[in-house]
N, C-alpha and C. Protein backbone atom coordinates (compact mmCIF):
# COMPACT_ATOMS: atom_id res chain seq x y z
N UNK A 1 0.82 -1.19 0.02
CA UNK A 1 -0.01 0.00 -0.01
C UNK A 1 0.87 1.23 0.01
N UNK A 2 0.47 2.21 -0.74
CA UNK A 2 1.22 3.47 -0.77
C UNK A 2 0.87 4.29 0.46
N UNK A 3 1.68 5.29 0.75
CA UNK A 3 1.47 6.17 1.90
C UNK A 3 0.10 6.90 1.76
N UNK A 4 -0.23 7.27 0.53
CA UNK A 4 -1.52 7.95 0.28
C UNK A 4 -2.67 7.04 0.66
N UNK A 5 -2.60 5.77 0.35
CA UNK A 5 -3.69 4.83 0.62
C UNK A 5 -3.90 4.62 2.10
N UNK A 6 -2.79 4.66 2.87
CA UNK A 6 -2.87 4.44 4.33
C UNK A 6 -3.46 5.64 5.08
N UNK A 7 -3.31 6.83 4.53
CA UNK A 7 -3.69 8.05 5.26
C UNK A 7 -5.22 8.07 5.45
N UNK A 8 -5.63 8.42 6.66
CA UNK A 8 -7.02 8.55 6.96
C UNK A 8 -7.46 9.99 6.98
N UNK A 9 -8.72 10.21 6.78
CA UNK A 9 -9.23 11.59 6.84
C UNK A 9 -9.29 12.11 8.26
N UNK A 10 -9.33 13.38 8.40
CA UNK A 10 -9.37 14.02 9.71
C UNK A 10 -10.82 14.39 10.00
N UNK A 11 -11.47 13.71 10.97
CA UNK A 11 -12.87 13.96 11.25
C UNK A 11 -13.14 15.41 11.73
N UNK A 12 -12.09 16.06 12.24
CA UNK A 12 -12.30 17.43 12.74
C UNK A 12 -12.74 18.39 11.66
N UNK A 13 -12.37 18.12 10.41
CA UNK A 13 -12.78 19.04 9.33
C UNK A 13 -14.30 19.10 9.19
N UNK A 14 -14.95 17.96 9.38
CA UNK A 14 -16.39 17.94 9.31
C UNK A 14 -17.03 18.51 10.56
N UNK A 15 -16.44 18.14 11.72
CA UNK A 15 -16.95 18.67 12.96
C UNK A 15 -16.84 20.19 13.05
N UNK A 16 -15.70 20.71 12.65
CA UNK A 16 -15.49 22.15 12.70
C UNK A 16 -16.41 22.88 11.69
N UNK A 17 -16.57 22.31 10.52
CA UNK A 17 -17.47 22.90 9.54
C UNK A 17 -18.91 22.90 10.04
N UNK A 18 -19.33 21.77 10.61
CA UNK A 18 -20.71 21.69 11.16
C UNK A 18 -20.95 22.72 12.28
N UNK A 19 -19.97 22.82 13.18
CA UNK A 19 -20.08 23.79 14.25
C UNK A 19 -20.05 25.22 13.69
N UNK A 20 -19.08 25.48 12.82
CA UNK A 20 -18.91 26.83 12.31
C UNK A 20 -20.07 27.33 11.49
N UNK A 21 -20.51 26.55 10.51
CA UNK A 21 -21.60 27.04 9.65
C UNK A 21 -22.92 27.09 10.41
N UNK A 22 -23.21 26.14 11.28
CA UNK A 22 -24.49 26.20 12.00
C UNK A 22 -24.48 27.38 12.98
N UNK A 23 -23.37 27.58 13.66
CA UNK A 23 -23.23 28.73 14.54
C UNK A 23 -23.38 30.02 13.78
N UNK A 24 -22.72 30.11 12.64
CA UNK A 24 -22.81 31.33 11.82
C UNK A 24 -24.27 31.62 11.40
N UNK A 25 -24.98 30.58 10.95
CA UNK A 25 -26.35 30.77 10.46
C UNK A 25 -27.27 31.18 11.63
N UNK A 26 -27.08 30.60 12.82
CA UNK A 26 -27.88 31.02 13.97
C UNK A 26 -27.66 32.47 14.30
N UNK A 27 -26.41 32.92 14.11
CA UNK A 27 -26.15 34.34 14.42
C UNK A 27 -26.74 35.26 13.38
N UNK A 28 -26.83 34.76 12.11
CA UNK A 28 -27.54 35.52 11.08
C UNK A 28 -28.99 35.67 11.50
N UNK A 29 -29.54 34.66 12.12
CA UNK A 29 -30.94 34.76 12.61
C UNK A 29 -30.96 35.74 13.85
N UNK A 30 -29.98 35.59 14.77
CA UNK A 30 -30.00 36.45 16.01
C UNK A 30 -29.89 37.90 15.69
N UNK A 31 -29.22 38.27 14.62
CA UNK A 31 -29.12 39.67 14.25
C UNK A 31 -30.18 40.12 13.28
N UNK A 32 -31.06 39.22 12.89
CA UNK A 32 -32.23 39.56 12.10
C UNK A 32 -32.07 39.43 10.59
N UNK A 33 -31.02 38.71 10.14
CA UNK A 33 -30.83 38.57 8.71
C UNK A 33 -31.56 37.40 8.10
N UNK A 34 -31.99 36.42 8.87
CA UNK A 34 -32.73 35.28 8.28
C UNK A 34 -33.70 34.73 9.33
N UNK A 35 -34.64 33.96 8.92
CA UNK A 35 -35.61 33.33 9.78
C UNK A 35 -34.99 32.05 10.39
N UNK A 36 -35.76 31.43 11.27
CA UNK A 36 -35.24 30.27 12.02
C UNK A 36 -35.23 28.95 11.22
N UNK A 37 -36.00 28.87 10.14
CA UNK A 37 -36.10 27.65 9.34
C UNK A 37 -34.78 27.05 8.90
N UNK A 38 -33.90 27.80 8.23
CA UNK A 38 -32.62 27.24 7.85
C UNK A 38 -31.75 26.82 9.04
N UNK A 39 -31.88 27.55 10.13
CA UNK A 39 -31.12 27.22 11.35
C UNK A 39 -31.59 25.87 11.87
N UNK A 40 -32.90 25.68 11.88
CA UNK A 40 -33.47 24.42 12.36
C UNK A 40 -32.93 23.22 11.54
N UNK A 41 -32.97 23.36 10.22
CA UNK A 41 -32.49 22.26 9.37
C UNK A 41 -31.02 21.97 9.61
N UNK A 42 -30.18 22.98 9.68
CA UNK A 42 -28.74 22.80 9.95
C UNK A 42 -28.48 22.24 11.32
N UNK A 43 -29.28 22.70 12.31
CA UNK A 43 -29.13 22.20 13.67
C UNK A 43 -29.27 20.69 13.79
N UNK A 44 -30.18 20.18 13.01
CA UNK A 44 -30.41 18.73 13.00
C UNK A 44 -29.28 17.99 12.23
N UNK A 45 -29.03 18.46 11.00
CA UNK A 45 -28.15 17.69 10.14
C UNK A 45 -26.68 17.99 10.21
N UNK A 46 -26.30 19.24 10.15
CA UNK A 46 -24.87 19.57 10.09
C UNK A 46 -24.31 19.87 11.45
N UNK A 47 -24.96 20.77 12.18
CA UNK A 47 -24.47 21.08 13.55
C UNK A 47 -24.66 19.90 14.43
N UNK A 48 -25.74 19.16 14.23
CA UNK A 48 -26.06 18.03 15.09
C UNK A 48 -25.46 16.73 14.65
N UNK A 49 -26.07 16.14 13.61
CA UNK A 49 -25.70 14.77 13.19
C UNK A 49 -24.23 14.71 12.68
N UNK A 50 -23.86 15.65 11.82
CA UNK A 50 -22.49 15.60 11.27
C UNK A 50 -21.43 15.76 12.37
N UNK A 51 -21.66 16.65 13.34
CA UNK A 51 -20.73 16.86 14.40
C UNK A 51 -20.70 15.59 15.28
N UNK A 52 -21.85 14.99 15.51
CA UNK A 52 -21.95 13.78 16.31
C UNK A 52 -21.06 12.69 15.67
N UNK A 53 -21.23 12.47 14.36
CA UNK A 53 -20.47 11.48 13.64
C UNK A 53 -18.96 11.81 13.73
N UNK A 54 -18.64 13.09 13.50
CA UNK A 54 -17.22 13.49 13.58
C UNK A 54 -16.67 13.18 15.01
N UNK A 55 -17.46 13.41 16.02
CA UNK A 55 -17.06 13.13 17.37
C UNK A 55 -16.73 11.69 17.60
N UNK A 56 -17.56 10.82 17.10
CA UNK A 56 -17.32 9.37 17.25
C UNK A 56 -16.12 8.92 16.41
N UNK A 57 -15.86 9.61 15.33
CA UNK A 57 -14.65 9.33 14.55
C UNK A 57 -13.40 9.78 15.33
N UNK A 58 -13.53 10.91 16.01
CA UNK A 58 -12.41 11.41 16.89
C UNK A 58 -12.12 10.35 17.97
N UNK A 59 -13.16 9.74 18.49
CA UNK A 59 -13.00 8.66 19.50
C UNK A 59 -12.09 7.57 18.91
N UNK A 60 -12.37 7.16 17.69
CA UNK A 60 -11.56 6.13 17.02
C UNK A 60 -10.12 6.55 16.88
N UNK A 61 -9.90 7.88 16.74
CA UNK A 61 -8.53 8.42 16.58
C UNK A 61 -7.85 8.59 17.95
N UNK A 62 -8.61 8.37 19.04
CA UNK A 62 -8.04 8.53 20.39
C UNK A 62 -7.98 9.96 20.87
N UNK A 63 -8.75 10.85 20.23
CA UNK A 63 -8.74 12.30 20.57
C UNK A 63 -9.92 12.58 21.48
N UNK A 64 -9.74 12.50 22.77
CA UNK A 64 -10.81 12.76 23.74
C UNK A 64 -11.35 14.19 23.65
N UNK A 65 -10.47 15.16 23.39
CA UNK A 65 -10.95 16.56 23.28
C UNK A 65 -11.93 16.69 22.07
N UNK A 66 -11.53 16.22 20.91
CA UNK A 66 -12.44 16.28 19.74
C UNK A 66 -13.70 15.43 19.94
N UNK A 67 -13.50 14.27 20.54
CA UNK A 67 -14.64 13.39 20.84
C UNK A 67 -15.66 14.11 21.69
N UNK A 68 -15.19 14.63 22.82
CA UNK A 68 -16.10 15.32 23.72
C UNK A 68 -16.73 16.58 23.09
N UNK A 69 -15.91 17.42 22.50
CA UNK A 69 -16.42 18.66 21.92
C UNK A 69 -17.45 18.40 20.84
N UNK A 70 -17.13 17.56 19.85
CA UNK A 70 -18.03 17.37 18.73
C UNK A 70 -19.32 16.66 19.16
N UNK A 71 -19.21 15.68 20.01
CA UNK A 71 -20.43 15.01 20.49
C UNK A 71 -21.31 15.92 21.33
N UNK A 72 -20.65 16.67 22.24
CA UNK A 72 -21.41 17.55 23.13
C UNK A 72 -22.10 18.68 22.32
N UNK A 73 -21.32 19.32 21.48
CA UNK A 73 -21.91 20.45 20.73
C UNK A 73 -22.86 19.95 19.64
N UNK A 74 -22.62 18.74 19.11
CA UNK A 74 -23.60 18.11 18.20
C UNK A 74 -24.89 17.85 18.92
N UNK A 75 -24.80 17.33 20.16
CA UNK A 75 -26.00 17.11 21.00
C UNK A 75 -26.69 18.44 21.30
N UNK A 76 -25.88 19.53 21.52
CA UNK A 76 -26.47 20.84 21.75
C UNK A 76 -27.35 21.22 20.57
N UNK A 77 -26.84 21.07 19.35
CA UNK A 77 -27.64 21.49 18.21
C UNK A 77 -28.90 20.61 18.00
N UNK A 78 -28.78 19.30 18.28
CA UNK A 78 -29.98 18.47 18.12
C UNK A 78 -31.00 18.82 19.21
N UNK A 79 -30.53 19.09 20.41
CA UNK A 79 -31.44 19.47 21.50
C UNK A 79 -32.06 20.85 21.20
N UNK A 80 -31.29 21.73 20.65
CA UNK A 80 -31.82 23.03 20.30
C UNK A 80 -32.94 22.90 19.29
N UNK A 81 -32.71 22.05 18.28
CA UNK A 81 -33.76 21.79 17.28
C UNK A 81 -34.99 21.20 17.91
N UNK A 82 -34.79 20.30 18.85
CA UNK A 82 -35.93 19.68 19.58
C UNK A 82 -36.71 20.73 20.39
N UNK A 83 -35.99 21.67 21.02
CA UNK A 83 -36.64 22.73 21.73
C UNK A 83 -37.49 23.56 20.77
N UNK A 84 -36.98 23.85 19.58
CA UNK A 84 -37.75 24.59 18.57
C UNK A 84 -39.00 23.86 18.16
N UNK A 85 -38.88 22.53 17.94
CA UNK A 85 -40.05 21.73 17.56
C UNK A 85 -41.07 21.73 18.70
N UNK A 86 -40.62 21.47 19.91
CA UNK A 86 -41.51 21.45 21.06
C UNK A 86 -42.23 22.79 21.27
N UNK A 87 -41.55 23.89 21.04
CA UNK A 87 -42.16 25.21 21.17
C UNK A 87 -43.16 25.43 20.06
N UNK A 88 -42.81 25.04 18.81
CA UNK A 88 -43.68 25.23 17.67
C UNK A 88 -45.01 24.49 17.86
N UNK A 89 -44.95 23.27 18.38
CA UNK A 89 -46.15 22.48 18.48
C UNK A 89 -46.70 22.39 19.91
N UNK A 90 -46.21 23.25 20.78
CA UNK A 90 -46.70 23.38 22.15
C UNK A 90 -46.62 22.06 22.92
N UNK A 91 -45.52 21.30 22.69
CA UNK A 91 -45.23 20.07 23.41
C UNK A 91 -44.04 20.37 24.30
N UNK A 92 -44.22 20.33 25.58
CA UNK A 92 -43.17 20.69 26.50
C UNK A 92 -42.47 21.99 26.12
N UNK A 93 -43.22 23.08 26.01
CA UNK A 93 -42.64 24.35 25.58
C UNK A 93 -41.64 24.88 26.60
N UNK A 94 -40.65 25.61 26.07
CA UNK A 94 -39.61 26.23 26.92
C UNK A 94 -39.70 27.73 26.77
N UNK A 95 -39.78 28.45 27.88
CA UNK A 95 -39.77 29.92 27.80
C UNK A 95 -38.34 30.38 27.80
N UNK A 96 -38.17 31.72 27.80
CA UNK A 96 -36.83 32.31 27.69
C UNK A 96 -35.91 31.86 28.80
N UNK A 97 -36.39 31.76 30.03
CA UNK A 97 -35.55 31.38 31.16
C UNK A 97 -35.18 29.87 31.05
N UNK A 98 -36.12 29.04 30.57
CA UNK A 98 -35.80 27.62 30.35
C UNK A 98 -34.66 27.48 29.38
N UNK A 99 -34.73 28.18 28.28
CA UNK A 99 -33.63 28.18 27.28
C UNK A 99 -32.38 28.75 27.93
N UNK A 100 -32.54 29.74 28.76
CA UNK A 100 -31.40 30.33 29.46
C UNK A 100 -30.65 29.27 30.29
N UNK A 101 -31.40 28.44 31.01
CA UNK A 101 -30.77 27.40 31.82
C UNK A 101 -30.10 26.33 30.94
N UNK A 102 -30.70 26.03 29.80
CA UNK A 102 -30.10 25.14 28.81
C UNK A 102 -28.74 25.74 28.38
N UNK A 103 -28.72 27.02 28.12
CA UNK A 103 -27.49 27.72 27.67
C UNK A 103 -26.45 27.75 28.80
N UNK A 104 -26.90 27.98 30.05
CA UNK A 104 -26.01 28.01 31.19
C UNK A 104 -25.23 26.69 31.30
N UNK A 105 -25.94 25.58 31.07
CA UNK A 105 -25.28 24.26 31.18
C UNK A 105 -24.16 24.15 30.18
N UNK A 106 -24.37 24.66 28.96
CA UNK A 106 -23.34 24.62 27.95
C UNK A 106 -22.24 25.67 28.17
N UNK A 107 -22.60 26.72 28.87
CA UNK A 107 -21.60 27.70 29.28
C UNK A 107 -20.61 27.05 30.22
N UNK A 108 -21.10 26.29 31.16
CA UNK A 108 -20.23 25.55 32.11
C UNK A 108 -19.34 24.55 31.39
N UNK A 109 -19.91 23.80 30.43
CA UNK A 109 -19.13 22.86 29.66
C UNK A 109 -18.05 23.57 28.90
N UNK A 110 -18.35 24.74 28.34
CA UNK A 110 -17.42 25.50 27.56
C UNK A 110 -16.26 25.97 28.45
N UNK A 111 -16.56 26.37 29.67
CA UNK A 111 -15.50 26.77 30.64
C UNK A 111 -14.50 25.58 30.83
N UNK A 112 -15.09 24.36 31.00
CA UNK A 112 -14.25 23.20 31.19
C UNK A 112 -13.37 22.92 29.98
N UNK A 113 -13.94 23.07 28.79
CA UNK A 113 -13.23 22.79 27.55
C UNK A 113 -12.21 23.90 27.16
N UNK A 114 -12.40 25.04 27.69
CA UNK A 114 -11.50 26.17 27.37
C UNK A 114 -10.04 25.88 27.81
N UNK A 115 -9.90 25.26 28.97
CA UNK A 115 -8.55 24.98 29.50
C UNK A 115 -7.75 24.10 28.55
N UNK A 116 -8.26 22.92 28.15
CA UNK A 116 -7.50 22.11 27.19
C UNK A 116 -7.36 22.78 25.82
N UNK A 117 -8.35 23.61 25.44
CA UNK A 117 -8.25 24.31 24.16
C UNK A 117 -7.04 25.24 24.14
N UNK A 118 -6.69 25.77 25.31
CA UNK A 118 -5.57 26.70 25.43
C UNK A 118 -4.23 25.94 25.26
N UNK A 119 -4.28 24.62 25.40
CA UNK A 119 -3.03 23.81 25.21
C UNK A 119 -2.90 23.28 23.78
N UNK A 120 -3.86 23.57 22.96
CA UNK A 120 -3.84 23.06 21.57
C UNK A 120 -3.21 24.08 20.61
N UNK A 121 -3.81 25.25 20.50
CA UNK A 121 -3.31 26.29 19.61
C UNK A 121 -3.97 27.63 19.93
N UNK A 122 -3.42 28.68 19.38
CA UNK A 122 -4.06 29.99 19.56
C UNK A 122 -5.43 30.01 18.89
N UNK A 123 -5.55 29.43 17.75
CA UNK A 123 -6.85 29.42 17.04
C UNK A 123 -7.89 28.69 17.87
N UNK A 124 -7.57 27.55 18.42
CA UNK A 124 -8.50 26.82 19.23
C UNK A 124 -8.86 27.59 20.49
N UNK A 125 -7.88 28.14 21.18
CA UNK A 125 -8.13 28.89 22.39
C UNK A 125 -9.02 30.09 22.11
N UNK A 126 -8.69 30.82 21.05
CA UNK A 126 -9.48 32.02 20.72
C UNK A 126 -10.94 31.64 20.36
N UNK A 127 -11.09 30.58 19.62
CA UNK A 127 -12.44 30.10 19.28
C UNK A 127 -13.24 29.80 20.53
N UNK A 128 -12.63 29.12 21.49
CA UNK A 128 -13.35 28.78 22.73
C UNK A 128 -13.56 29.99 23.64
N UNK A 129 -12.64 30.94 23.65
CA UNK A 129 -12.87 32.21 24.37
C UNK A 129 -14.05 32.93 23.80
N UNK A 130 -14.10 33.03 22.49
CA UNK A 130 -15.23 33.72 21.84
C UNK A 130 -16.55 32.95 22.07
N UNK A 131 -16.47 31.63 22.05
CA UNK A 131 -17.68 30.84 22.36
C UNK A 131 -18.16 31.08 23.79
N UNK A 132 -17.23 31.13 24.72
CA UNK A 132 -17.61 31.36 26.08
C UNK A 132 -18.23 32.77 26.26
N UNK A 133 -17.64 33.77 25.68
CA UNK A 133 -18.21 35.12 25.71
C UNK A 133 -19.62 35.10 25.10
N UNK A 134 -19.77 34.43 23.98
CA UNK A 134 -21.08 34.34 23.33
C UNK A 134 -22.12 33.68 24.19
N UNK A 135 -21.75 32.57 24.83
CA UNK A 135 -22.68 31.91 25.73
C UNK A 135 -23.06 32.78 26.89
N UNK A 136 -22.09 33.49 27.50
CA UNK A 136 -22.41 34.39 28.59
C UNK A 136 -23.38 35.48 28.16
N UNK A 137 -23.14 36.06 26.96
CA UNK A 137 -24.04 37.11 26.50
C UNK A 137 -25.46 36.52 26.24
N UNK A 138 -25.53 35.31 25.72
CA UNK A 138 -26.87 34.68 25.48
C UNK A 138 -27.50 34.29 26.81
N UNK A 139 -26.73 33.87 27.79
CA UNK A 139 -27.25 33.61 29.11
C UNK A 139 -27.95 34.86 29.64
N UNK A 140 -27.22 35.94 29.63
CA UNK A 140 -27.76 37.23 30.11
C UNK A 140 -28.98 37.67 29.28
N UNK A 141 -28.92 37.44 27.99
CA UNK A 141 -30.07 37.79 27.14
C UNK A 141 -31.31 37.07 27.55
N UNK A 142 -31.19 35.81 27.99
CA UNK A 142 -32.34 35.02 28.34
C UNK A 142 -32.78 35.22 29.78
N UNK A 143 -31.98 35.97 30.55
CA UNK A 143 -32.36 36.26 31.93
C UNK A 143 -32.55 37.76 32.15
N UNK A 144 -33.13 38.43 31.14
CA UNK A 144 -33.59 39.79 31.36
C UNK A 144 -32.90 40.86 30.52
N UNK A 145 -31.97 40.54 29.67
CA UNK A 145 -31.33 41.52 28.86
C UNK A 145 -31.35 41.11 27.40
N UNK A 146 -32.59 41.08 26.83
CA UNK A 146 -32.77 40.55 25.44
C UNK A 146 -31.97 41.21 24.37
N UNK A 147 -31.63 42.52 24.56
CA UNK A 147 -30.90 43.24 23.55
C UNK A 147 -29.47 42.63 23.35
N UNK A 148 -28.99 41.83 24.33
CA UNK A 148 -27.72 41.23 24.20
C UNK A 148 -27.66 40.08 23.18
N UNK A 149 -28.82 39.65 22.75
CA UNK A 149 -28.89 38.58 21.71
C UNK A 149 -28.22 39.07 20.44
N UNK A 150 -28.46 40.29 20.07
CA UNK A 150 -27.84 40.84 18.84
C UNK A 150 -26.33 41.04 19.03
N UNK A 151 -25.93 41.48 20.20
CA UNK A 151 -24.51 41.62 20.53
C UNK A 151 -23.84 40.25 20.44
N UNK A 152 -24.48 39.27 21.06
CA UNK A 152 -23.93 37.89 21.00
C UNK A 152 -23.91 37.40 19.53
N UNK A 153 -24.91 37.78 18.75
CA UNK A 153 -24.91 37.37 17.36
C UNK A 153 -23.67 37.81 16.60
N UNK A 154 -23.35 39.07 16.73
CA UNK A 154 -22.15 39.58 16.05
C UNK A 154 -20.89 38.97 16.63
N UNK A 155 -20.82 38.84 17.91
CA UNK A 155 -19.62 38.30 18.61
C UNK A 155 -19.43 36.81 18.19
N UNK A 156 -20.52 36.05 18.18
CA UNK A 156 -20.40 34.62 17.85
C UNK A 156 -20.09 34.38 16.38
N UNK A 157 -20.30 35.38 15.51
CA UNK A 157 -19.89 35.23 14.10
C UNK A 157 -18.38 35.03 14.05
N UNK A 158 -17.64 35.75 14.93
CA UNK A 158 -16.17 35.61 14.98
C UNK A 158 -15.81 34.22 15.49
N UNK A 159 -16.59 33.71 16.45
CA UNK A 159 -16.33 32.36 16.91
C UNK A 159 -16.48 31.37 15.78
N UNK A 160 -17.55 31.52 14.99
CA UNK A 160 -17.84 30.62 13.86
C UNK A 160 -16.68 30.72 12.82
N UNK A 161 -16.18 31.96 12.59
CA UNK A 161 -15.08 32.12 11.65
C UNK A 161 -13.82 31.42 12.20
N UNK A 162 -13.63 31.41 13.51
CA UNK A 162 -12.50 30.69 14.11
C UNK A 162 -12.55 29.19 13.80
N UNK A 163 -13.75 28.60 13.95
CA UNK A 163 -13.90 27.17 13.63
C UNK A 163 -13.64 26.91 12.18
N UNK A 164 -14.19 27.76 11.31
CA UNK A 164 -14.02 27.57 9.87
C UNK A 164 -12.55 27.79 9.47
N UNK A 165 -11.86 28.68 10.11
CA UNK A 165 -10.44 28.90 9.88
C UNK A 165 -9.65 27.60 10.21
N UNK A 166 -9.98 27.02 11.36
CA UNK A 166 -9.25 25.77 11.71
C UNK A 166 -9.58 24.66 10.74
N UNK A 167 -10.83 24.58 10.27
CA UNK A 167 -11.17 23.58 9.29
C UNK A 167 -10.38 23.80 8.00
N UNK A 168 -10.33 25.01 7.55
CA UNK A 168 -9.59 25.37 6.33
C UNK A 168 -8.11 25.06 6.49
N UNK A 169 -7.56 25.35 7.69
CA UNK A 169 -6.15 25.06 7.92
C UNK A 169 -5.87 23.59 7.78
N UNK A 170 -6.69 22.75 8.37
CA UNK A 170 -6.45 21.30 8.28
C UNK A 170 -6.54 20.79 6.85
N UNK A 171 -7.52 21.27 6.11
CA UNK A 171 -7.66 20.85 4.69
C UNK A 171 -6.51 21.36 3.85
N UNK A 172 -6.19 22.66 3.99
CA UNK A 172 -5.13 23.22 3.14
C UNK A 172 -3.76 22.55 3.47
N UNK A 173 -3.53 22.28 4.74
CA UNK A 173 -2.28 21.64 5.14
C UNK A 173 -2.12 20.26 4.42
N UNK A 174 -3.19 19.51 4.38
CA UNK A 174 -3.12 18.22 3.73
C UNK A 174 -2.98 18.37 2.21
N UNK A 175 -3.76 19.24 1.63
CA UNK A 175 -3.77 19.41 0.17
C UNK A 175 -2.41 19.99 -0.35
N UNK A 176 -1.89 20.98 0.38
CA UNK A 176 -0.65 21.61 -0.09
C UNK A 176 0.60 20.98 0.47
N UNK A 177 0.45 20.08 1.47
CA UNK A 177 1.59 19.43 2.04
C UNK A 177 2.46 20.34 2.90
N UNK A 178 1.89 21.43 3.33
CA UNK A 178 2.56 22.39 4.24
C UNK A 178 1.52 23.24 4.91
N UNK A 179 1.91 23.90 5.94
CA UNK A 179 1.01 24.82 6.67
C UNK A 179 0.77 26.06 5.84
N UNK A 180 -0.47 26.27 5.49
CA UNK A 180 -0.84 27.49 4.73
C UNK A 180 -1.50 28.47 5.66
N UNK A 181 -2.34 28.02 6.54
CA UNK A 181 -3.03 28.85 7.55
C UNK A 181 -2.56 28.43 8.93
N UNK A 182 -1.61 29.16 9.50
CA UNK A 182 -1.06 28.76 10.83
C UNK A 182 -2.08 28.91 11.93
N UNK A 183 -2.01 28.02 12.90
CA UNK A 183 -2.94 28.02 14.02
C UNK A 183 -2.43 28.72 15.25
N UNK A 184 -1.16 29.01 15.28
CA UNK A 184 -0.56 29.69 16.43
C UNK A 184 -0.18 28.76 17.54
N UNK A 185 0.70 29.25 18.38
CA UNK A 185 1.19 28.40 19.49
C UNK A 185 0.13 28.27 20.59
N UNK A 186 0.21 27.18 21.36
CA UNK A 186 -0.72 27.02 22.52
C UNK A 186 -0.46 28.15 23.54
N UNK A 187 -1.54 28.51 24.22
CA UNK A 187 -1.46 29.54 25.26
C UNK A 187 -0.89 28.97 26.54
N UNK A 188 -1.13 27.67 26.77
CA UNK A 188 -0.63 27.03 27.99
C UNK A 188 0.33 25.94 27.64
N UNK A 189 1.35 25.76 28.46
CA UNK A 189 2.32 24.68 28.24
C UNK A 189 1.91 23.47 29.03
């Protein structure tokens, strides 16, 4: 077998794309540029299912960080879509504070994941810092400061761009055989 035949794909490229594009589209909704329909569809398939699959592929690669992140945030998107369905059809509806508590739980998870992200690269650390800031803004928006949803929308667009940058870096590095988009040094040793 040639070296090319032995090489396996990197599941992170799908997970990062699913996270980045779905996050970006939700922010387009949060700032008023699109309706919730496209977000709902992506939350189920790309942000949810594709990230979930990427996470289980990261498990096979022995990458606990990628495994945890992609499965957890994939589950976030599928649960978010389920909340939208339940609200639409008045089955176990969630009010703003209910969604706020849902977001708080993922804010805590993001705090936990930020520390190892800082040991990976600048791009990963910055993406998680931006995600944490975005979650905090959305938490506050759901507990009495709704105008922060738009602020979070613009801020989380940068988080989405961070994920897409890392995805592009991994793909370009493989295709060009060298680093084209550097990820930067880890923040923690």
